[in-house]
N, C-alpha and C. Protein backbone atom coordinates (compact mmCIF):
# COMPACT_ATOMS: atom_id res chain seq x y z
N MET A 1 0.88 -1.12 -0.01
CA MET A 1 0.16 0.13 0.05
C MET A 1 0.68 1.23 0.05
N LYS A 2 1.78 1.25 0.81
CA LYS A 2 2.72 2.49 1.00
C LYS A 2 3.40 2.67 -0.34
N LYS A 3 3.81 1.67 -1.04
CA LYS A 3 4.28 1.98 -2.47
C LYS A 3 3.59 2.41 -3.29
N SER A 4 2.30 2.05 -3.39
CA SER A 4 1.44 2.56 -4.45
C SER A 4 1.09 4.03 -4.32
N LEU A 5 0.87 4.42 -3.09
CA LEU A 5 0.58 6.00 -2.51
C LEU A 5 2.04 6.67 -2.97
N GLY A 6 3.10 6.14 -2.46
CA GLY A 6 4.24 6.72 -3.12
C GLY A 6 4.32 7.25 -4.69
N ARG A 7 4.21 6.24 -5.28
CA ARG A 7 4.07 6.07 -6.80
C ARG A 7 3.02 7.22 -7.30
N ARG A 8 1.81 7.32 -6.67
CA ARG A 8 1.04 8.27 -7.23
C ARG A 8 1.40 9.70 -6.80
N VAL A 9 1.91 10.06 -5.86
CA VAL A 9 2.62 11.23 -5.26
C VAL A 9 3.72 11.44 -6.09
N GLY A 10 4.47 10.83 -6.49
CA GLY A 10 5.56 11.07 -7.63
C GLY A 10 4.83 11.58 -8.92
N ILE A 11 3.74 10.85 -9.33
CA ILE A 11 2.99 11.25 -10.67
C ILE A 11 2.60 12.74 -10.40
N VAL A 12 1.86 12.84 -9.47
CA VAL A 12 1.19 14.33 -9.28
C VAL A 12 2.37 15.18 -9.51
N ALA A 13 3.21 14.94 -8.69
CA ALA A 13 4.35 16.08 -8.52
C ALA A 13 5.08 16.11 -10.08
N PHE A 14 5.59 15.13 -10.71
CA PHE A 14 5.75 15.21 -12.30
C PHE A 14 4.90 16.08 -13.01
N THR A 15 3.49 15.70 -12.84
CA THR A 15 2.68 16.71 -13.64
C THR A 15 2.48 17.93 -13.39
N ALA A 16 2.66 18.42 -11.89
CA ALA A 16 2.41 19.72 -11.63
C ALA A 16 3.90 20.45 -12.56
N ILE A 17 4.83 19.88 -12.17
CA ILE A 17 6.29 20.47 -12.56
C ILE A 17 6.16 20.64 -14.17
N ALA A 18 5.78 19.75 -14.83
CA ALA A 18 5.38 19.78 -16.32
C ALA A 18 4.56 20.86 -16.82
N ALA A 19 3.34 21.00 -16.15
CA ALA A 19 2.54 21.96 -16.33
C ALA A 19 2.96 23.32 -16.06
N THR A 20 3.76 23.53 -15.14
CA THR A 20 4.57 24.87 -14.83
C THR A 20 5.66 24.94 -15.90
N THR A 21 6.22 24.09 -16.43
CA THR A 21 7.23 24.29 -17.29
C THR A 21 6.68 24.81 -18.75
N PHE A 22 5.47 24.28 -19.02
CA PHE A 22 4.92 24.26 -20.54
C PHE A 22 4.26 25.67 -20.42
N SER A 23 3.66 26.19 -19.29
CA SER A 23 3.03 27.41 -19.21
C SER A 23 4.01 28.65 -19.30
N MET A 24 5.06 28.45 -19.02
CA MET A 24 6.25 29.23 -19.23
C MET A 24 6.79 29.56 -20.50
N ALA A 25 6.38 28.79 -21.57
CA ALA A 25 6.70 28.79 -22.66
C ALA A 25 6.26 30.21 -23.45
N PRO A 26 6.92 30.80 -24.34
CA PRO A 26 6.35 31.95 -25.18
C PRO A 26 5.13 31.56 -26.02
N ALA A 27 4.41 32.24 -26.46
CA ALA A 27 3.19 32.05 -26.94
C ALA A 27 3.75 32.20 -28.61
N SER A 28 3.33 31.23 -29.25
CA SER A 28 3.62 31.55 -30.90
C SER A 28 2.70 32.72 -31.56
N ALA A 29 3.61 33.27 -32.16
CA ALA A 29 2.97 34.27 -32.94
C ALA A 29 2.20 33.97 -34.31
N VAL A 30 1.07 33.24 -34.28
CA VAL A 30 0.48 32.79 -35.51
C VAL A 30 -0.36 33.94 -36.20
N THR A 31 -0.55 35.04 -35.57
CA THR A 31 -1.15 35.97 -36.28
C THR A 31 -0.53 37.15 -35.91
N ASP A 32 -0.83 38.42 -36.42
CA ASP A 32 -0.24 39.62 -35.89
C ASP A 32 -0.75 40.29 -34.55
N ILE A 33 0.21 40.89 -33.78
CA ILE A 33 0.06 41.09 -32.41
C ILE A 33 0.19 42.66 -32.60
N THR A 34 -1.06 43.52 -31.78
CA THR A 34 -0.90 44.88 -31.79
C THR A 34 -1.07 45.36 -30.45
N ILE A 35 -0.06 46.49 -30.01
CA ILE A 35 -0.24 46.98 -28.66
C ILE A 35 -0.46 48.36 -28.84
N ARG A 36 -1.42 48.70 -27.87
CA ARG A 36 -1.55 50.48 -27.89
C ARG A 36 -1.75 50.65 -26.34
N ASP A 37 -1.34 51.70 -26.09
CA ASP A 37 -1.48 52.41 -24.76
C ASP A 37 -3.02 52.83 -24.60
N SER A 38 -3.33 52.84 -23.05
CA SER A 38 -4.74 53.39 -22.80
C SER A 38 -5.06 54.87 -23.10
N ASN A 39 -4.09 55.61 -23.20
CA ASN A 39 -4.43 56.94 -23.67
C ASN A 39 -4.45 57.45 -25.11
N GLY A 40 -4.33 56.37 -25.84
CA GLY A 40 -4.30 56.74 -27.49
C GLY A 40 -2.98 57.26 -27.84
N LEU A 41 -1.99 57.27 -27.40
CA LEU A 41 -0.69 58.24 -28.01
C LEU A 41 -0.15 57.58 -28.96
N GLY A 42 -0.24 56.19 -29.00
CA GLY A 42 0.65 55.39 -30.16
C GLY A 42 0.30 53.64 -29.86
N SER A 43 0.58 53.20 -31.17
CA SER A 43 0.54 51.82 -31.35
C SER A 43 1.61 51.03 -31.81
N MET A 44 1.83 49.83 -31.76
CA MET A 44 3.00 48.97 -32.27
C MET A 44 2.31 47.78 -32.98
N THR A 45 2.80 47.14 -33.95
CA THR A 45 2.05 46.00 -34.43
C THR A 45 3.19 45.10 -35.05
N PHE A 46 3.21 43.74 -34.86
CA PHE A 46 4.30 42.78 -35.32
C PHE A 46 3.17 42.00 -36.44
N HIS A 47 3.64 42.24 -37.75
CA HIS A 47 3.08 41.52 -38.87
C HIS A 47 3.81 40.11 -39.05
N ASP A 48 3.33 39.40 -38.70
CA ASP A 48 3.71 37.90 -38.86
C ASP A 48 4.21 37.38 -40.46
N ASP A 49 3.38 37.74 -41.14
CA ASP A 49 3.80 37.57 -42.62
C ASP A 49 4.86 38.72 -43.10
N GLY A 50 5.96 38.30 -43.05
CA GLY A 50 7.24 38.89 -43.38
C GLY A 50 7.79 39.65 -42.14
N ASP A 51 7.46 39.21 -41.12
CA ASP A 51 8.13 39.60 -39.71
C ASP A 51 8.75 41.26 -39.76
N THR A 52 7.74 41.94 -40.16
CA THR A 52 7.69 43.31 -40.18
C THR A 52 6.80 44.04 -38.83
N PHE A 53 7.30 45.19 -38.29
CA PHE A 53 6.75 45.84 -37.35
C PHE A 53 6.44 47.31 -37.45
N THR A 54 5.47 47.69 -37.18
CA THR A 54 4.75 49.17 -37.75
C THR A 54 4.68 49.85 -36.34
N VAL A 55 5.07 51.16 -36.06
CA VAL A 55 5.16 52.00 -35.19
C VAL A 55 4.47 53.39 -35.33
N CYS A 56 3.45 53.65 -34.58
CA CYS A 56 2.53 54.83 -35.13
C CYS A 56 2.39 55.67 -34.01
N ASN A 57 2.58 56.77 -34.12
CA ASN A 57 2.14 58.11 -33.37
C ASN A 57 0.78 58.34 -33.66
N LEU A 58 -0.35 58.36 -32.68
CA LEU A 58 -1.62 58.29 -32.85
C LEU A 58 -2.11 59.77 -32.28
N THR A 59 -1.53 60.58 -32.09
CA THR A 59 -1.56 62.11 -31.56
C THR A 59 -1.30 63.15 -32.64
N GLY A 60 -1.79 64.28 -32.38
CA GLY A 60 -1.39 65.53 -33.18
C GLY A 60 -0.10 66.18 -32.46
N ARG A 61 0.41 65.71 -31.47
CA ARG A 61 1.55 66.29 -31.13
C ARG A 61 2.91 65.82 -31.87
N SER A 62 4.00 66.66 -31.76
CA SER A 62 5.11 66.07 -32.48
C SER A 62 6.19 65.39 -31.41
N ALA A 63 5.42 65.09 -30.51
CA ALA A 63 6.28 64.14 -29.63
C ALA A 63 6.60 62.69 -30.22
N TYR A 64 7.78 61.99 -29.85
CA TYR A 64 8.00 60.81 -30.48
C TYR A 64 7.31 59.85 -29.83
N VAL A 65 6.87 58.38 -30.57
CA VAL A 65 6.40 57.24 -30.08
C VAL A 65 7.44 56.37 -30.51
N ILE A 66 8.03 55.54 -29.61
CA ILE A 66 9.25 54.73 -29.99
C ILE A 66 8.75 53.34 -29.67
N GLY A 67 9.00 52.41 -30.64
CA GLY A 67 8.88 51.04 -30.66
C GLY A 67 10.21 50.45 -30.42
N LYS A 68 10.23 49.38 -29.19
CA LYS A 68 11.29 48.81 -29.24
C LYS A 68 11.04 46.99 -29.33
N ILE A 69 12.04 46.40 -30.04
CA ILE A 69 11.86 44.97 -29.82
C ILE A 69 12.93 44.27 -29.23
N TRP A 70 12.59 43.67 -28.05
CA TRP A 70 13.41 43.23 -26.88
C TRP A 70 13.46 41.76 -27.54
N TYR A 71 14.44 41.16 -26.97
CA TYR A 71 15.07 39.59 -27.28
C TYR A 71 15.76 38.97 -26.25
N LYS A 72 15.26 37.75 -25.97
CA LYS A 72 15.95 37.12 -24.81
C LYS A 72 16.42 35.66 -25.43
N PRO A 73 17.57 35.33 -25.39
CA PRO A 73 18.20 33.94 -25.80
C PRO A 73 17.29 32.85 -25.17
N ALA A 74 17.08 31.74 -25.76
CA ALA A 74 16.25 30.66 -24.91
C ALA A 74 17.11 29.99 -24.14
N ILE A 75 18.50 29.93 -24.06
CA ILE A 75 19.45 29.53 -23.20
C ILE A 75 20.38 30.63 -22.67
N GLY A 76 20.27 30.90 -21.42
CA GLY A 76 20.89 32.03 -21.03
C GLY A 76 20.89 33.59 -21.18
N GLY A 77 21.32 34.30 -20.69
CA GLY A 77 21.45 35.58 -21.15
C GLY A 77 20.19 36.30 -20.70
N ASP A 78 20.47 37.77 -21.17
CA ASP A 78 19.26 38.64 -20.50
C ASP A 78 18.47 39.28 -21.45
N TRP A 79 17.56 39.97 -21.28
CA TRP A 79 16.47 40.82 -22.30
C TRP A 79 17.42 41.99 -22.98
N TYR A 80 17.59 42.23 -24.11
CA TYR A 80 18.10 43.32 -24.78
C TYR A 80 17.38 43.64 -25.80
N VAL A 81 17.64 45.20 -26.25
CA VAL A 81 16.77 45.55 -27.45
C VAL A 81 17.41 45.40 -28.75
N THR A 82 16.93 44.57 -29.65
CA THR A 82 17.60 44.10 -30.95
C THR A 82 17.29 45.10 -31.94
N ASN A 83 16.32 46.18 -32.13
CA ASN A 83 15.90 46.94 -32.92
C ASN A 83 14.89 48.25 -32.27
N HIS A 84 14.91 49.14 -32.98
CA HIS A 84 13.99 49.98 -32.20
C HIS A 84 13.59 51.15 -33.68
N LYS A 85 12.53 51.78 -33.59
CA LYS A 85 12.29 52.85 -34.42
C LYS A 85 11.07 54.03 -33.67
N ALA A 86 11.44 55.12 -34.16
CA ALA A 86 10.68 56.31 -33.74
C ALA A 86 9.65 56.77 -34.74
N ASP A 87 8.51 57.16 -34.30
CA ASP A 87 7.65 57.97 -35.24
C ASP A 87 7.11 59.10 -34.62
N ALA A 88 7.31 60.26 -35.40
CA ALA A 88 6.74 61.32 -34.79
C ALA A 88 5.21 61.58 -35.73
N TYR A 89 4.53 62.38 -35.06
CA TYR A 89 3.28 62.61 -36.11
C TYR A 89 3.41 63.44 -37.09
N GLY A 90 2.87 63.00 -38.28
CA GLY A 90 3.33 63.77 -39.36
C GLY A 90 2.92 62.91 -40.72
N GLY A 91 1.79 61.78 -40.30
CA GLY A 91 1.61 60.89 -41.61
C GLY A 91 2.18 59.85 -41.68
N GLY A 92 1.70 58.63 -41.69
CA GLY A 92 2.15 57.21 -41.84
C GLY A 92 2.96 57.02 -40.54
N CYS A 93 3.61 55.85 -40.74
CA CYS A 93 4.15 55.12 -39.46
C CYS A 93 5.50 54.62 -40.05
N ALA A 94 6.28 54.40 -38.77
CA ALA A 94 7.69 53.87 -39.03
C ALA A 94 7.50 52.55 -39.12
N LYS A 95 8.49 51.93 -39.91
CA LYS A 95 8.60 50.49 -39.94
C LYS A 95 10.18 49.85 -39.86
N ILE A 96 9.78 48.62 -38.99
CA ILE A 96 11.12 47.92 -38.87
C ILE A 96 10.91 46.53 -39.53
N VAL A 97 12.24 46.49 -40.75
CA VAL A 97 11.89 45.58 -41.51
C VAL A 97 12.98 44.46 -41.31
N ASN A 98 14.02 44.76 -40.71
CA ASN A 98 14.99 43.86 -40.70
C ASN A 98 15.51 42.98 -39.17
N THR A 99 14.26 42.83 -38.84
CA THR A 99 14.19 41.83 -37.51
C THR A 99 13.56 40.48 -37.87
N ASP A 100 14.32 39.38 -37.88
CA ASP A 100 13.84 37.84 -38.14
C ASP A 100 13.16 37.23 -36.76
N VAL A 101 11.87 37.26 -36.51
CA VAL A 101 11.43 36.63 -35.31
C VAL A 101 11.38 35.41 -35.63
N GLU A 102 12.27 34.40 -35.07
CA GLU A 102 12.45 33.04 -35.02
C GLU A 102 11.95 32.14 -34.15
N ILE A 103 12.01 31.08 -34.09
CA ILE A 103 11.16 29.93 -33.03
C ILE A 103 12.04 29.83 -32.09
N VAL A 104 13.20 30.20 -31.84
CA VAL A 104 14.44 29.83 -30.83
C VAL A 104 14.24 31.28 -30.13
N GLY A 105 14.28 31.42 -28.82
CA GLY A 105 14.43 32.62 -28.01
C GLY A 105 12.77 33.19 -27.80
N ASN A 106 13.03 34.42 -27.06
CA ASN A 106 11.73 35.08 -26.82
C ASN A 106 11.61 36.60 -27.21
N TYR A 107 10.58 36.99 -27.60
CA TYR A 107 10.53 38.48 -28.41
C TYR A 107 9.48 39.11 -27.44
N GLN A 108 9.51 40.54 -27.41
CA GLN A 108 8.53 41.15 -26.76
C GLN A 108 8.56 42.69 -27.35
N MET A 109 7.57 43.14 -27.58
CA MET A 109 7.33 44.61 -28.12
C MET A 109 7.16 45.37 -26.67
N LYS A 110 7.71 46.75 -26.99
CA LYS A 110 7.42 47.45 -25.91
C LYS A 110 7.38 48.98 -26.59
N LEU A 111 6.44 49.66 -26.11
CA LEU A 111 6.16 51.08 -26.89
C LEU A 111 6.29 51.96 -25.89
N TYR A 112 7.11 53.09 -26.00
CA TYR A 112 7.40 54.26 -25.28
C TYR A 112 6.95 55.58 -26.15
N TYR A 113 6.70 56.46 -24.87
CA TYR A 113 6.21 57.82 -25.50
C TYR A 113 7.41 58.87 -25.03
N ASP A 114 7.79 59.90 -25.72
CA ASP A 114 8.91 60.78 -25.48
C ASP A 114 8.11 62.24 -25.81
N GLY A 115 7.85 62.50 -24.53
CA GLY A 115 7.22 63.95 -25.14
C GLY A 115 7.99 64.99 -24.31
N SER A 116 8.67 64.70 -23.45
CA SER A 116 9.49 65.77 -22.71
C SER A 116 10.95 65.40 -22.77
N GLY A 117 11.36 64.84 -23.67
CA GLY A 117 12.90 64.32 -23.55
C GLY A 117 13.21 63.17 -22.64
N ARG A 118 12.24 62.38 -22.36
CA ARG A 118 12.33 61.32 -21.38
C ARG A 118 11.55 60.16 -21.91
N GLU A 119 12.08 59.10 -22.25
CA GLU A 119 10.98 57.94 -22.60
C GLU A 119 10.24 57.55 -21.47
N LYS A 120 9.00 57.14 -21.79
CA LYS A 120 7.91 56.55 -20.73
C LYS A 120 7.44 55.35 -21.52
N GLU A 121 7.70 53.94 -20.82
CA GLU A 121 6.83 52.90 -21.42
C GLU A 121 5.36 53.22 -21.34
N ILE A 122 4.67 52.74 -22.35
CA ILE A 122 3.48 52.98 -22.30
C ILE A 122 2.65 51.78 -22.53
N ALA A 123 3.15 50.75 -23.21
CA ALA A 123 2.45 49.59 -23.58
C ALA A 123 3.74 48.47 -24.00
N HIS A 124 3.12 47.21 -23.62
CA HIS A 124 4.21 46.06 -23.98
C HIS A 124 3.20 45.01 -24.30
N SER A 125 3.82 43.98 -25.11
CA SER A 125 3.14 42.82 -25.68
C SER A 125 3.29 41.44 -24.84
N ARG A 126 2.61 40.62 -24.90
CA ARG A 126 3.22 39.39 -24.24
C ARG A 126 4.50 38.66 -24.99
N VAL A 127 4.94 37.94 -24.30
CA VAL A 127 6.31 37.39 -24.92
C VAL A 127 5.78 36.25 -26.00
N PHE A 128 6.69 36.51 -27.12
CA PHE A 128 6.09 35.61 -28.29
C PHE A 128 7.52 35.11 -29.11
N ASN A 129 7.49 34.16 -29.96
CA ASN A 129 8.26 33.77 -30.88
C ASN A 129 7.61 33.04 -32.27
N GLU A 130 8.22 32.69 -33.52
CA GLU A 130 7.34 32.20 -34.29
C GLU A 130 7.01 30.59 -33.88
């Protein structure tokens, strides 16, 4: 009886560990991802088809909205910015076209507003990869 109980406890513990491990994996970017701040200052979109990013200033102000692509290697290492682009109001949006989002590693978009010479994070995406 003791042996059977110990075996069940081991299976439950393994299941809990496996569930925790799988839940920490980044979500796959099967579709486009868009982030916006709650004040309507800007937006940033990841277009999965072609791995392009669009950064848009949505205000009538000349301040900058800055989109940054953060990356963390799958094994070791810290988060760092792989690319960024700023967009000032004036028609059109800025595009980032030279970042290849891969299946290995973690990516996150962060949107910043620079209205007074100091960047302030205003939105961020979930962690994703291809």
